[in-house]
Structure formats: C-alpha cells, structure tokens
C-alpha cells in the first residue's frame, strides 16, 4: 500500500484514525439498523430508520474523507454538518420526548450509548477537513 501523499491530506496522520473510526461506526450502524429493521421494525420504526440514516451518513463521510478530492471534501463537510445536526436534534428529542424513542438510535442522548463519540465525531471531522484544506 502506497504512503499517503500531499495530494490527499485528509487521509494522512490523524486523518487515518478519523477515517477508521468513521468506518467502524458505519459498519456498526449498518449492522445494527439492518438487524433491527429486519427483525422488529414495528417496535420502534422511527428509531430504526434514524439509525439507518446515521449509518448512511457514516458511510458517505468515510468514503469522502478517504477519497480526499475537492468534491469529496465538500460532500464530507455536508455529511459532517448533517451528522452534527442529526445528533443534536435526535439527542435533544430523545431526552425531551423519550416515548418517541422506545429503542435507542446511534444518536440518542447525543450518542451516550457509544461514549458520546457520535457527537464528537462530526466536530472532529469538520476540524480535520478545515485543517487539511488546501
């Protein structure tokens, strides 16, 4: 595997760890939401669909951070912003109206079930993209 070059700074240094964490969250959220939707969707459809949406956002962010092109960086910024807004909206809603979330999503309680990584990840992603901007 070739070493990263300066033409893709998002994939170098700490960016590798960021991409790895996004990839783990993408895989985990896809598996969790897929299993929940397939086995007991009727129990908490909103929560499971939000988890699937979070999984899609993580997949897009992972791919775009890894690609590091001008277009993919823009999409990664949009993904991180959508992710942050989603974590804040779902996190707040899950605390204010817990009955709407009988089962937790990845973003419930600001990602408390995942060590608050879901609320930190988009912030770190946006900071990293900004730091590595050309």
C-alpha atoms as a PDB file:
ATOM      1  CA  UNK A   1       0.000   0.000   0.000  1.00  0.00           C
ATOM      2  CA  UNK A   2       1.436   3.346  -1.015  1.00  0.00           C
ATOM      3  CA  UNK A   3       2.128   6.024   1.551  1.00  0.00           C
ATOM      4  CA  UNK A   4      -0.299   8.951   1.538  1.00  0.00           C
ATOM      5  CA  UNK A   5       0.842  11.894  -0.467  1.00  0.00           C
ATOM      6  CA  UNK A   6       0.268  15.586  -0.050  1.00  0.00           C
ATOM      7  CA  UNK A   7      -2.498  15.420  -2.651  1.00  0.00           C
ATOM      8  CA  UNK A   8      -4.749  13.758  -0.024  1.00  0.00           C
ATOM      9  CA  UNK A   9      -4.015  15.314   3.365  1.00  0.00           C
ATOM     10  CA  UNK A  10      -7.342  14.161   4.840  1.00  0.00           C
ATOM     11  CA  UNK A  11      -6.012  10.588   4.701  1.00  0.00           C
ATOM     12  CA  UNK A  12      -2.703  11.309   6.408  1.00  0.00           C
ATOM     13  CA  UNK A  13      -1.665  11.436  10.055  1.00  0.00           C
ATOM     14  CA  UNK A  14      -4.632  11.701  12.445  1.00  0.00           C
ATOM     15  CA  UNK A  15      -6.943  11.555   9.426  1.00  0.00           C
ATOM     16  CA  UNK A  16      -6.276   7.815   9.225  1.00  0.00           C
ATOM     17  CA  UNK A  17      -7.646   7.339  12.728  1.00  0.00           C
ATOM     18  CA  UNK A  18     -10.639   9.568  11.962  1.00  0.00           C
ATOM     19  CA  UNK A  19     -11.443   7.558   8.839  1.00  0.00           C
ATOM     20  CA  UNK A  20     -11.033   4.296  10.773  1.00  0.00           C
ATOM     21  CA  UNK A  21     -13.455   5.462  13.487  1.00  0.00           C
ATOM     22  CA  UNK A  22     -15.959   6.560  10.840  1.00  0.00           C
ATOM     23  CA  UNK A  23     -15.611   3.166   9.132  1.00  0.00           C
ATOM     24  CA  UNK A  24     -16.234   1.318  12.408  1.00  0.00           C
ATOM     25  CA  UNK A  25     -19.310   3.446  13.093  1.00  0.00           C
ATOM     26  CA  UNK A  26     -20.542   2.932   9.525  1.00  0.00           C
ATOM     27  CA  UNK A  27     -20.218  -0.835   9.875  1.00  0.00           C
ATOM     28  CA  UNK A  28     -21.742  -0.934  13.358  1.00  0.00           C
ATOM     29  CA  UNK A  29     -24.664   1.346  12.484  1.00  0.00           C
ATOM     30  CA  UNK A  30     -25.381  -0.567   9.255  1.00  0.00           C
ATOM     31  CA  UNK A  31     -25.372  -3.908  11.071  1.00  0.00           C
ATOM     32  CA  UNK A  32     -27.458  -2.659  13.983  1.00  0.00           C
ATOM     33  CA  UNK A  33     -30.088  -0.856  11.923  1.00  0.00           C
ATOM     34  CA  UNK A  34     -30.272  -3.660   9.371  1.00  0.00           C
ATOM     35  CA  UNK A  35     -30.845  -6.210  12.091  1.00  0.00           C
ATOM     36  CA  UNK A  36     -33.411  -4.050  13.893  1.00  0.00           C
ATOM     37  CA  UNK A  37     -35.347  -3.259  10.720  1.00  0.00           C
ATOM     38  CA  UNK A  38     -35.333  -6.899   9.625  1.00  0.00           C
ATOM     39  CA  UNK A  39     -36.351  -8.406  12.957  1.00  0.00           C
ATOM     40  CA  UNK A  40     -38.625  -5.973  14.803  1.00  0.00           C
ATOM     41  CA  UNK A  41     -39.259  -2.850  12.746  1.00  0.00           C
ATOM     42  CA  UNK A  42     -42.774  -2.412  14.131  1.00  0.00           C
ATOM     43  CA  UNK A  43     -41.440  -1.909  17.686  1.00  0.00           C
ATOM     44  CA  UNK A  44     -39.643   1.404  17.002  1.00  0.00           C
ATOM     45  CA  UNK A  45     -39.702   2.355  13.318  1.00  0.00           C
ATOM     46  CA  UNK A  46     -38.548   5.945  13.840  1.00  0.00           C
ATOM     47  CA  UNK A  47     -35.538   4.899  15.898  1.00  0.00           C
ATOM     48  CA  UNK A  48     -34.529   2.189  13.438  1.00  0.00           C
ATOM     49  CA  UNK A  49     -34.912   4.421  10.395  1.00  0.00           C
ATOM     50  CA  UNK A  50     -32.859   7.125  12.101  1.00  0.00           C
ATOM     51  CA  UNK A  51     -30.156   4.553  12.847  1.00  0.00           C
ATOM     52  CA  UNK A  52     -30.192   3.539   9.162  1.00  0.00           C
ATOM     53  CA  UNK A  53     -29.918   7.190   8.151  1.00  0.00           C
ATOM     54  CA  UNK A  54     -26.988   7.634  10.565  1.00  0.00           C
ATOM     55  CA  UNK A  55     -25.345   4.574   9.010  1.00  0.00           C
ATOM     56  CA  UNK A  56     -25.698   6.078   5.534  1.00  0.00           C
ATOM     57  CA  UNK A  57     -24.206   9.360   6.709  1.00  0.00           C
ATOM     58  CA  UNK A  58     -21.248   7.489   8.267  1.00  0.00           C
ATOM     59  CA  UNK A  59     -20.677   5.540   5.040  1.00  0.00           C
ATOM     60  CA  UNK A  60     -20.680   8.718   2.935  1.00  0.00           C
ATOM     61  CA  UNK A  61     -18.384  10.554   5.368  1.00  0.00           C
ATOM     62  CA  UNK A  62     -15.962   7.608   5.474  1.00  0.00           C
ATOM     63  CA  UNK A  63     -15.752   7.309   1.699  1.00  0.00           C
ATOM     64  CA  UNK A  64     -15.413  11.050   1.145  1.00  0.00           C
ATOM     65  CA  UNK A  65     -12.758  11.557   3.811  1.00  0.00           C
ATOM     66  CA  UNK A  66     -10.789   8.660   2.361  1.00  0.00           C
ATOM     67  CA  UNK A  67     -11.079   9.967  -1.206  1.00  0.00           C
ATOM     68  CA  UNK A  68      -9.917  13.469  -0.339  1.00  0.00           C
ATOM     69  CA  UNK A  69     -10.752  15.106  -3.667  1.00  0.00           C
ATOM     70  CA  UNK A  70     -12.148  18.610  -3.812  1.00  0.00           C
ATOM     71  CA  UNK A  71     -15.664  17.296  -4.475  1.00  0.00           C
ATOM     72  CA  UNK A  72     -15.445  14.545  -1.852  1.00  0.00           C
ATOM     73  CA  UNK A  73     -14.213  17.051   0.731  1.00  0.00           C
ATOM     74  CA  UNK A  74     -17.292  19.193   0.068  1.00  0.00           C
ATOM     75  CA  UNK A  75     -19.530  16.173   0.423  1.00  0.00           C
ATOM     76  CA  UNK A  76     -17.670  15.196   3.612  1.00  0.00           C
ATOM     77  CA  UNK A  77     -18.324  18.677   5.033  1.00  0.00           C
ATOM     78  CA  UNK A  78     -22.014  18.350   4.180  1.00  0.00           C
ATOM     79  CA  UNK A  79     -22.088  14.858   5.726  1.00  0.00           C
ATOM     80  CA  UNK A  80     -20.463  16.077   8.929  1.00  0.00           C
ATOM     81  CA  UNK A  81     -22.876  19.013   9.173  1.00  0.00           C
ATOM     82  CA  UNK A  82     -25.890  16.730   8.594  1.00  0.00           C
ATOM     83  CA  UNK A  83     -24.458  14.305  11.142  1.00  0.00           C
ATOM     84  CA  UNK A  84     -23.934  17.030  13.749  1.00  0.00           C
ATOM     85  CA  UNK A  85     -27.422  18.448  13.214  1.00  0.00           C
ATOM     86  CA  UNK A  86     -28.864  14.933  13.407  1.00  0.00           C
ATOM     87  CA  UNK A  87     -27.030  14.130  16.639  1.00  0.00           C
ATOM     88  CA  UNK A  88     -28.175  17.412  18.187  1.00  0.00           C
ATOM     89  CA  UNK A  89     -31.799  17.034  17.016  1.00  0.00           C
ATOM     90  CA  UNK A  90     -32.173  13.350  17.854  1.00  0.00           C
ATOM     91  CA  UNK A  91     -30.188  13.723  21.071  1.00  0.00           C
ATOM     92  CA  UNK A  92     -32.414  16.549  22.258  1.00  0.00           C
ATOM     93  CA  UNK A  93     -35.623  14.857  21.094  1.00  0.00           C
ATOM     94  CA  UNK A  94     -34.714  11.571  22.765  1.00  0.00           C
ATOM     95  CA  UNK A  95     -34.294  13.366  26.083  1.00  0.00           C
ATOM     96  CA  UNK A  96     -37.298  15.694  25.771  1.00  0.00           C
ATOM     97  CA  UNK A  97     -39.743  13.131  24.292  1.00  0.00           C
ATOM     98  CA  UNK A  98     -38.345   9.725  25.297  1.00  0.00           C
ATOM     99  CA  UNK A  99     -41.603   7.995  24.362  1.00  0.00           C
ATOM    100  CA  UNK A 100     -40.823   8.738  20.699  1.00  0.00           C
ATOM    101  CA  UNK A 101     -37.710   6.559  21.023  1.00  0.00           C
ATOM    102  CA  UNK A 102     -38.681   3.270  22.702  1.00  0.00           C
ATOM    103  CA  UNK A 103     -35.375   1.869  21.424  1.00  0.00           C
ATOM    104  CA  UNK A 104     -32.221   3.926  21.210  1.00  0.00           C
ATOM    105  CA  UNK A 105     -30.658   5.141  17.990  1.00  0.00           C
ATOM    106  CA  UNK A 106     -26.970   5.742  17.429  1.00  0.00           C
ATOM    107  CA  UNK A 107     -27.672   9.419  18.078  1.00  0.00           C
ATOM    108  CA  UNK A 108     -29.999   9.039  21.115  1.00  0.00           C
ATOM    109  CA  UNK A 109     -28.930  11.091  24.133  1.00  0.00           C
ATOM    110  CA  UNK A 110     -26.173  12.589  21.973  1.00  0.00           C
ATOM    111  CA  UNK A 111     -24.594   9.176  21.479  1.00  0.00           C
ATOM    112  CA  UNK A 112     -24.358   8.350  25.171  1.00  0.00           C
ATOM    113  CA  UNK A 113     -24.587   4.623  24.404  1.00  0.00           C
ATOM    114  CA  UNK A 114     -21.457   4.990  22.290  1.00  0.00           C
ATOM    115  CA  UNK A 115     -19.405   7.082  24.693  1.00  0.00           C
ATOM    116  CA  UNK A 116     -20.578  10.346  23.106  1.00  0.00           C
ATOM    117  CA  UNK A 117     -18.400   9.602  20.076  1.00  0.00           C
ATOM    118  CA  UNK A 118     -21.347  10.355  17.731  1.00  0.00           C
ATOM    119  CA  UNK A 119     -21.461  13.972  18.918  1.00  0.00           C
ATOM    120  CA  UNK A 120     -17.675  14.403  18.865  1.00  0.00           C
ATOM    121  CA  UNK A 121     -17.061  12.709  15.512  1.00  0.00           C
ATOM    122  CA  UNK A 122     -18.628  15.317  13.205  1.00  0.00           C
ATOM    123  CA  UNK A 123     -16.902  18.131  15.105  1.00  0.00           C
ATOM    124  CA  UNK A 124     -13.549  16.364  14.737  1.00  0.00           C
ATOM    125  CA  UNK A 125     -14.324  15.658  11.087  1.00  0.00           C
ATOM    126  CA  UNK A 126     -15.093  19.301  10.347  1.00  0.00           C
ATOM    127  CA  UNK A 127     -11.989  20.460  12.210  1.00  0.00           C
ATOM    128  CA  UNK A 128      -9.802  17.969  10.344  1.00  0.00           C
ATOM    129  CA  UNK A 129     -11.218  18.957   6.956  1.00  0.00           C
ATOM    130  CA  UNK A 130     -10.623  22.604   7.797  1.00  0.00           C
ATOM    131  CA  UNK A 131      -7.083  21.925   9.000  1.00  0.00           C
ATOM    132  CA  UNK A 132      -6.175  19.987   5.862  1.00  0.00           C
ATOM    133  CA  UNK A 133      -7.823  22.425   3.444  1.00  0.00           C
ATOM    134  CA  UNK A 134      -5.631  23.462   0.591  1.00  0.00           C
END
